[in-house]
Amino acid sequence: MKIKVEMGQYQILKDNPAVLTTGFLGSGLAIGVVDKTHPQGGLCCFVLPYKDLDIEVEDDLVVFSGENLLPLFLEEMEKSGINWSNVKIVVAGGSVYQNNPEFLNLADLNLKITKMMFKRYMIHEDSIIFRTGLNSALEVEVDLEEKAIKIKIDGKEEKL
């Protein structure tokens, strides 16, 4: 079963052999986490970096920025019993395009926020696989049955 994680949202599953997937990320980022020994993991994705950019779409639906979404995601991962020393973490997206105006440097801002949050939660950068800053269409899947994170770049799949 595939579960799509919308931009500004996250999903965490435990003991469920589903596949979490994003849509096309553009300058947004996806953070995929999968436990190497248990069918447990999560996926979050966002395009807006700062908390003052959160958007309330409906009464019960907020599209969160990275600054608000990442702490929620990381705290919920910890509450689910995840052991950070036993996981694979992938940060992907943040596509950069040739004619990207300076004031739309969302990819750089999103990556900066993400690295700051990992540092705050004492998750070392050397334990994270980064696939960012590409000039390509990109999607991310967290496959809990295979305990793998897959990145689809221009239709080609890279399994991490």
C-alpha atoms as a PDB file:
ATOM      1  CA  MET A   1       0.000   0.000   0.000  1.00  0.00           C
ATOM      2  CA  LYS A   2       1.294   3.488  -0.896  1.00  0.00           C
ATOM      3  CA  ILE A   3       0.577   6.486   1.314  1.00  0.00           C
ATOM      4  CA  LYS A   4       1.235   9.927  -0.129  1.00  0.00           C
ATOM      5  CA  VAL A   5       2.674  12.518   2.236  1.00  0.00           C
ATOM      6  CA  GLU A   6       1.577  15.997   1.206  1.00  0.00           C
ATOM      7  CA  MET A   7       3.832  19.052   1.267  1.00  0.00           C
ATOM      8  CA  GLY A   8       4.014  20.569   4.759  1.00  0.00           C
ATOM      9  CA  GLN A   9       3.035  17.274   6.415  1.00  0.00           C
ATOM     10  CA  TYR A  10       4.628  14.115   7.816  1.00  0.00           C
ATOM     11  CA  GLN A  11       3.698  10.478   8.320  1.00  0.00           C
ATOM     12  CA  ILE A  12       5.246   7.934  10.700  1.00  0.00           C
ATOM     13  CA  LEU A  13       4.462   4.221  10.593  1.00  0.00           C
ATOM     14  CA  LYS A  14       5.422   1.322  12.813  1.00  0.00           C
ATOM     15  CA  ASP A  15       4.825  -2.375  12.074  1.00  0.00           C
ATOM     16  CA  ASN A  16       3.136  -1.486   8.800  1.00  0.00           C
ATOM     17  CA  PRO A  17       4.788  -2.651   5.551  1.00  0.00           C
ATOM     18  CA  ALA A  18       3.575   0.352   3.557  1.00  0.00           C
ATOM     19  CA  VAL A  19       5.412   2.725   1.234  1.00  0.00           C
ATOM     20  CA  LEU A  20       5.404   6.427   2.113  1.00  0.00           C
ATOM     21  CA  THR A  21       5.824   8.661  -0.923  1.00  0.00           C
ATOM     22  CA  THR A  22       6.076  12.335  -1.837  1.00  0.00           C
ATOM     23  CA  GLY A  23       4.975  14.095  -4.963  1.00  0.00           C
ATOM     24  CA  PHE A  24       7.401  16.184  -7.015  1.00  0.00           C
ATOM     25  CA  LEU A  25       9.462  18.205  -4.525  1.00  0.00           C
ATOM     26  CA  GLY A  26      10.721  21.174  -6.545  1.00  0.00           C
ATOM     27  CA  SER A  27      12.663  23.422  -4.164  1.00  0.00           C
ATOM     28  CA  GLY A  28      11.080  21.629  -1.207  1.00  0.00           C
ATOM     29  CA  LEU A  29      12.858  18.991   0.854  1.00  0.00           C
ATOM     30  CA  ALA A  30      11.883  15.510   1.959  1.00  0.00           C
ATOM     31  CA  ILE A  31      13.394  13.769   4.959  1.00  0.00           C
ATOM     32  CA  GLY A  32      13.041  10.004   4.907  1.00  0.00           C
ATOM     33  CA  VAL A  33      13.870   7.847   7.923  1.00  0.00           C
ATOM     34  CA  VAL A  34      13.828   4.056   7.998  1.00  0.00           C
ATOM     35  CA  ASP A  35      14.861   1.700  10.795  1.00  0.00           C
ATOM     36  CA  LYS A  36      17.349  -0.877   9.486  1.00  0.00           C
ATOM     37  CA  THR A  37      16.016  -3.692  11.703  1.00  0.00           C
ATOM     38  CA  HIS A  38      12.301  -3.025  12.275  1.00  0.00           C
ATOM     39  CA  PRO A  39       9.435  -2.066   9.925  1.00  0.00           C
ATOM     40  CA  GLN A  40       9.389   1.486  11.237  1.00  0.00           C
ATOM     41  CA  GLY A  41      10.061   4.859   9.674  1.00  0.00           C
ATOM     42  CA  GLY A  42       8.713   8.162   8.526  1.00  0.00           C
ATOM     43  CA  LEU A  43       8.671  10.782   5.832  1.00  0.00           C
ATOM     44  CA  CYS A  44       8.155  14.522   5.965  1.00  0.00           C
ATOM     45  CA  CYS A  45       8.315  17.142   3.243  1.00  0.00           C
ATOM     46  CA  PHE A  46       8.058  20.903   3.123  1.00  0.00           C
ATOM     47  CA  VAL A  47       8.684  23.805   0.773  1.00  0.00           C
ATOM     48  CA  LEU A  48       8.430  26.874   3.013  1.00  0.00           C
ATOM     49  CA  PRO A  49      11.329  27.328   5.445  1.00  0.00           C
ATOM     50  CA  TYR A  50      10.178  29.637   8.256  1.00  0.00           C
ATOM     51  CA  LYS A  51       7.347  29.283  10.783  1.00  0.00           C
ATOM     52  CA  ASP A  52       5.785  32.634   9.921  1.00  0.00           C
ATOM     53  CA  LEU A  53       5.034  31.097   6.505  1.00  0.00           C
ATOM     54  CA  ASP A  54       2.719  28.335   7.832  1.00  0.00           C
ATOM     55  CA  ILE A  55      -0.534  28.318   5.861  1.00  0.00           C
ATOM     56  CA  GLU A  56      -3.918  27.316   7.278  1.00  0.00           C
ATOM     57  CA  VAL A  57      -5.740  25.782   4.318  1.00  0.00           C
ATOM     58  CA  GLU A  58      -8.833  24.675   6.242  1.00  0.00           C
ATOM     59  CA  ASP A  59      -9.858  24.699   9.901  1.00  0.00           C
ATOM     60  CA  ASP A  60      -8.165  21.351  10.492  1.00  0.00           C
ATOM     61  CA  LEU A  61      -5.371  21.488   7.893  1.00  0.00           C
ATOM     62  CA  VAL A  62      -2.175  23.491   8.219  1.00  0.00           C
ATOM     63  CA  VAL A  63       0.648  23.340   5.687  1.00  0.00           C
ATOM     64  CA  PHE A  64       3.648  23.549   7.990  1.00  0.00           C
ATOM     65  CA  SER A  65       6.975  25.190   7.265  1.00  0.00           C
ATOM     66  CA  GLY A  66      10.205  23.331   7.884  1.00  0.00           C
ATOM     67  CA  GLU A  67      10.863  25.302  11.053  1.00  0.00           C
ATOM     68  CA  ASN A  68       7.621  23.990  12.605  1.00  0.00           C
ATOM     69  CA  LEU A  69       7.342  20.617  10.857  1.00  0.00           C
ATOM     70  CA  LEU A  70      10.813  19.212  11.545  1.00  0.00           C
ATOM     71  CA  PRO A  71      10.628  19.407  15.372  1.00  0.00           C
ATOM     72  CA  LEU A  72       7.182  17.763  15.290  1.00  0.00           C
ATOM     73  CA  PHE A  73       8.463  15.026  12.976  1.00  0.00           C
ATOM     74  CA  LEU A  74      11.671  14.340  14.921  1.00  0.00           C
ATOM     75  CA  GLU A  75       9.868  14.323  18.295  1.00  0.00           C
ATOM     76  CA  GLU A  76       7.207  11.926  16.996  1.00  0.00           C
ATOM     77  CA  MET A  77       9.929   9.676  15.578  1.00  0.00           C
ATOM     78  CA  GLU A  78      11.538   9.563  19.035  1.00  0.00           C
ATOM     79  CA  LYS A  79       8.173   8.872  20.716  1.00  0.00           C
ATOM     80  CA  SER A  80       7.624   5.964  18.311  1.00  0.00           C
ATOM     81  CA  GLY A  81      10.744   4.355  19.784  1.00  0.00           C
ATOM     82  CA  ILE A  82      13.139   4.972  16.911  1.00  0.00           C
ATOM     83  CA  ASN A  83      16.814   4.466  17.729  1.00  0.00           C
ATOM     84  CA  TRP A  84      18.765   7.156  15.831  1.00  0.00           C
ATOM     85  CA  SER A  85      21.891   4.989  15.764  1.00  0.00           C
ATOM     86  CA  ASN A  86      19.982   2.260  13.903  1.00  0.00           C
ATOM     87  CA  VAL A  87      18.376   4.248  11.083  1.00  0.00           C
ATOM     88  CA  LYS A  88      19.016   5.371   7.557  1.00  0.00           C
ATOM     89  CA  ILE A  89      18.240   9.060   6.980  1.00  0.00           C
ATOM     90  CA  VAL A  90      17.976  10.659   3.561  1.00  0.00           C
ATOM     91  CA  VAL A  91      17.469  14.350   2.829  1.00  0.00           C
ATOM     92  CA  ALA A  92      16.480  14.907  -0.784  1.00  0.00           C
ATOM     93  CA  GLY A  93      15.077  17.653  -2.971  1.00  0.00           C
ATOM     94  CA  GLY A  94      15.926  21.301  -2.953  1.00  0.00           C
ATOM     95  CA  SER A  95      16.110  21.408  -6.723  1.00  0.00           C
ATOM     96  CA  VAL A  96      17.982  24.396  -8.112  1.00  0.00           C
ATOM     97  CA  TYR A  97      17.205  25.776 -11.529  1.00  0.00           C
ATOM     98  CA  GLN A  98      19.385  27.971 -13.753  1.00  0.00           C
ATOM     99  CA  ASN A  99      17.011  30.931 -13.842  1.00  0.00           C
ATOM    100  CA  ASN A 100      16.169  30.837 -10.122  1.00  0.00           C
ATOM    101  CA  PRO A 101      16.012  34.458  -8.851  1.00  0.00           C
ATOM    102  CA  GLU A 102      18.107  35.245  -5.763  1.00  0.00           C
ATOM    103  CA  PHE A 103      15.036  36.029  -3.636  1.00  0.00           C
ATOM    104  CA  LEU A 104      13.621  32.545  -4.305  1.00  0.00           C
ATOM    105  CA  ASN A 105      16.508  30.640  -2.765  1.00  0.00           C
ATOM    106  CA  LEU A 106      14.122  28.263  -0.974  1.00  0.00           C
ATOM    107  CA  ALA A 107      16.351  25.239  -1.590  1.00  0.00           C
ATOM    108  CA  ASP A 108      19.259  26.794   0.345  1.00  0.00           C
ATOM    109  CA  LEU A 109      17.015  28.050   3.154  1.00  0.00           C
ATOM    110  CA  ASN A 110      15.280  24.673   3.494  1.00  0.00           C
ATOM    111  CA  LEU A 111      18.605  22.849   3.705  1.00  0.00           C
ATOM    112  CA  LYS A 112      19.896  25.339   6.292  1.00  0.00           C
ATOM    113  CA  ILE A 113      16.786  24.829   8.478  1.00  0.00           C
ATOM    114  CA  THR A 114      17.065  21.036   8.136  1.00  0.00           C
ATOM    115  CA  LYS A 115      20.722  20.933   9.158  1.00  0.00           C
ATOM    116  CA  MET A 116      19.997  23.228  12.105  1.00  0.00           C
ATOM    117  CA  MET A 117      17.214  20.906  13.337  1.00  0.00           C
ATOM    118  CA  PHE A 118      19.391  17.801  12.999  1.00  0.00           C
ATOM    119  CA  LYS A 119      22.079  19.537  15.040  1.00  0.00           C
ATOM    120  CA  ARG A 120      19.490  20.471  17.688  1.00  0.00           C
ATOM    121  CA  TYR A 121      18.411  16.804  17.943  1.00  0.00           C
ATOM    122  CA  MET A 122      22.068  15.667  17.982  1.00  0.00           C
ATOM    123  CA  ILE A 123      21.771  13.761  14.718  1.00  0.00           C
ATOM    124  CA  HIS A 124      25.190  13.966  13.092  1.00  0.00           C
ATOM    125  CA  GLU A 125      25.406  15.050   9.450  1.00  0.00           C
ATOM    126  CA  ASP A 126      27.832  12.243   8.633  1.00  0.00           C
ATOM    127  CA  SER A 127      25.020   9.731   9.293  1.00  0.00           C
ATOM    128  CA  ILE A 128      22.733  11.414   6.721  1.00  0.00           C
ATOM    129  CA  ILE A 129      22.659  10.864   2.967  1.00  0.00           C
ATOM    130  CA  PHE A 130      22.075  14.138   1.109  1.00  0.00           C
ATOM    131  CA  ARG A 131      20.675  14.289  -2.443  1.00  0.00           C
ATOM    132  CA  THR A 132      20.013  17.998  -2.782  1.00  0.00           C
ATOM    133  CA  GLY A 133      20.641  20.850  -5.174  1.00  0.00           C
ATOM    134  CA  LEU A 134      19.996  18.821  -8.313  1.00  0.00           C
ATOM    135  CA  ASN A 135      18.516  20.325 -11.454  1.00  0.00           C
ATOM    136  CA  SER A 136      15.989  17.489 -11.805  1.00  0.00           C
ATOM    137  CA  ALA A 137      12.466  16.379 -11.005  1.00  0.00           C
ATOM    138  CA  LEU A 138      12.692  14.390  -7.779  1.00  0.00           C
ATOM    139  CA  GLU A 139      10.427  12.224  -5.588  1.00  0.00           C
ATOM    140  CA  VAL A 140      11.171  10.200  -2.433  1.00  0.00           C
ATOM    141  CA  GLU A 141       9.770   6.881  -1.176  1.00  0.00           C
ATOM    142  CA  VAL A 142      10.272   5.242   2.211  1.00  0.00           C
ATOM    143  CA  ASP A 143       9.630   1.506   1.784  1.00  0.00           C
ATOM    144  CA  LEU A 144       9.140   0.011   5.233  1.00  0.00           C
ATOM    145  CA  GLU A 145       8.867  -3.565   3.962  1.00  0.00           C
ATOM    146  CA  GLU A 146      12.217  -3.391   2.159  1.00  0.00           C
ATOM    147  CA  LYS A 147      13.681  -1.074   4.846  1.00  0.00           C
ATOM    148  CA  ALA A 148      14.909   1.198   2.072  1.00  0.00           C
ATOM    149  CA  ILE A 149      14.625   4.780   0.901  1.00  0.00           C
ATOM    150  CA  LYS A 150      14.250   5.309  -2.821  1.00  0.00           C
ATOM    151  CA  ILE A 151      14.813   8.499  -4.749  1.00  0.00           C
ATOM    152  CA  LYS A 152      13.290   8.903  -8.180  1.00  0.00           C
ATOM    153  CA  ILE A 153      15.288  11.385 -10.245  1.00  0.00           C
ATOM    154  CA  ASP A 154      13.845  12.138 -13.683  1.00  0.00           C
ATOM    155  CA  GLY A 155      12.080   8.763 -13.622  1.00  0.00           C
ATOM    156  CA  LYS A 156      15.176   6.740 -12.631  1.00  0.00           C
ATOM    157  CA  GLU A 157      15.203   5.095  -9.225  1.00  0.00           C
ATOM    158  CA  GLU A 158      18.121   5.150  -6.779  1.00  0.00           C
ATOM    159  CA  LYS A 159      17.746   2.791  -3.813  1.00  0.00           C
ATOM    160  CA  LEU A 160      19.593   3.846  -0.659  1.00  0.00           C
END
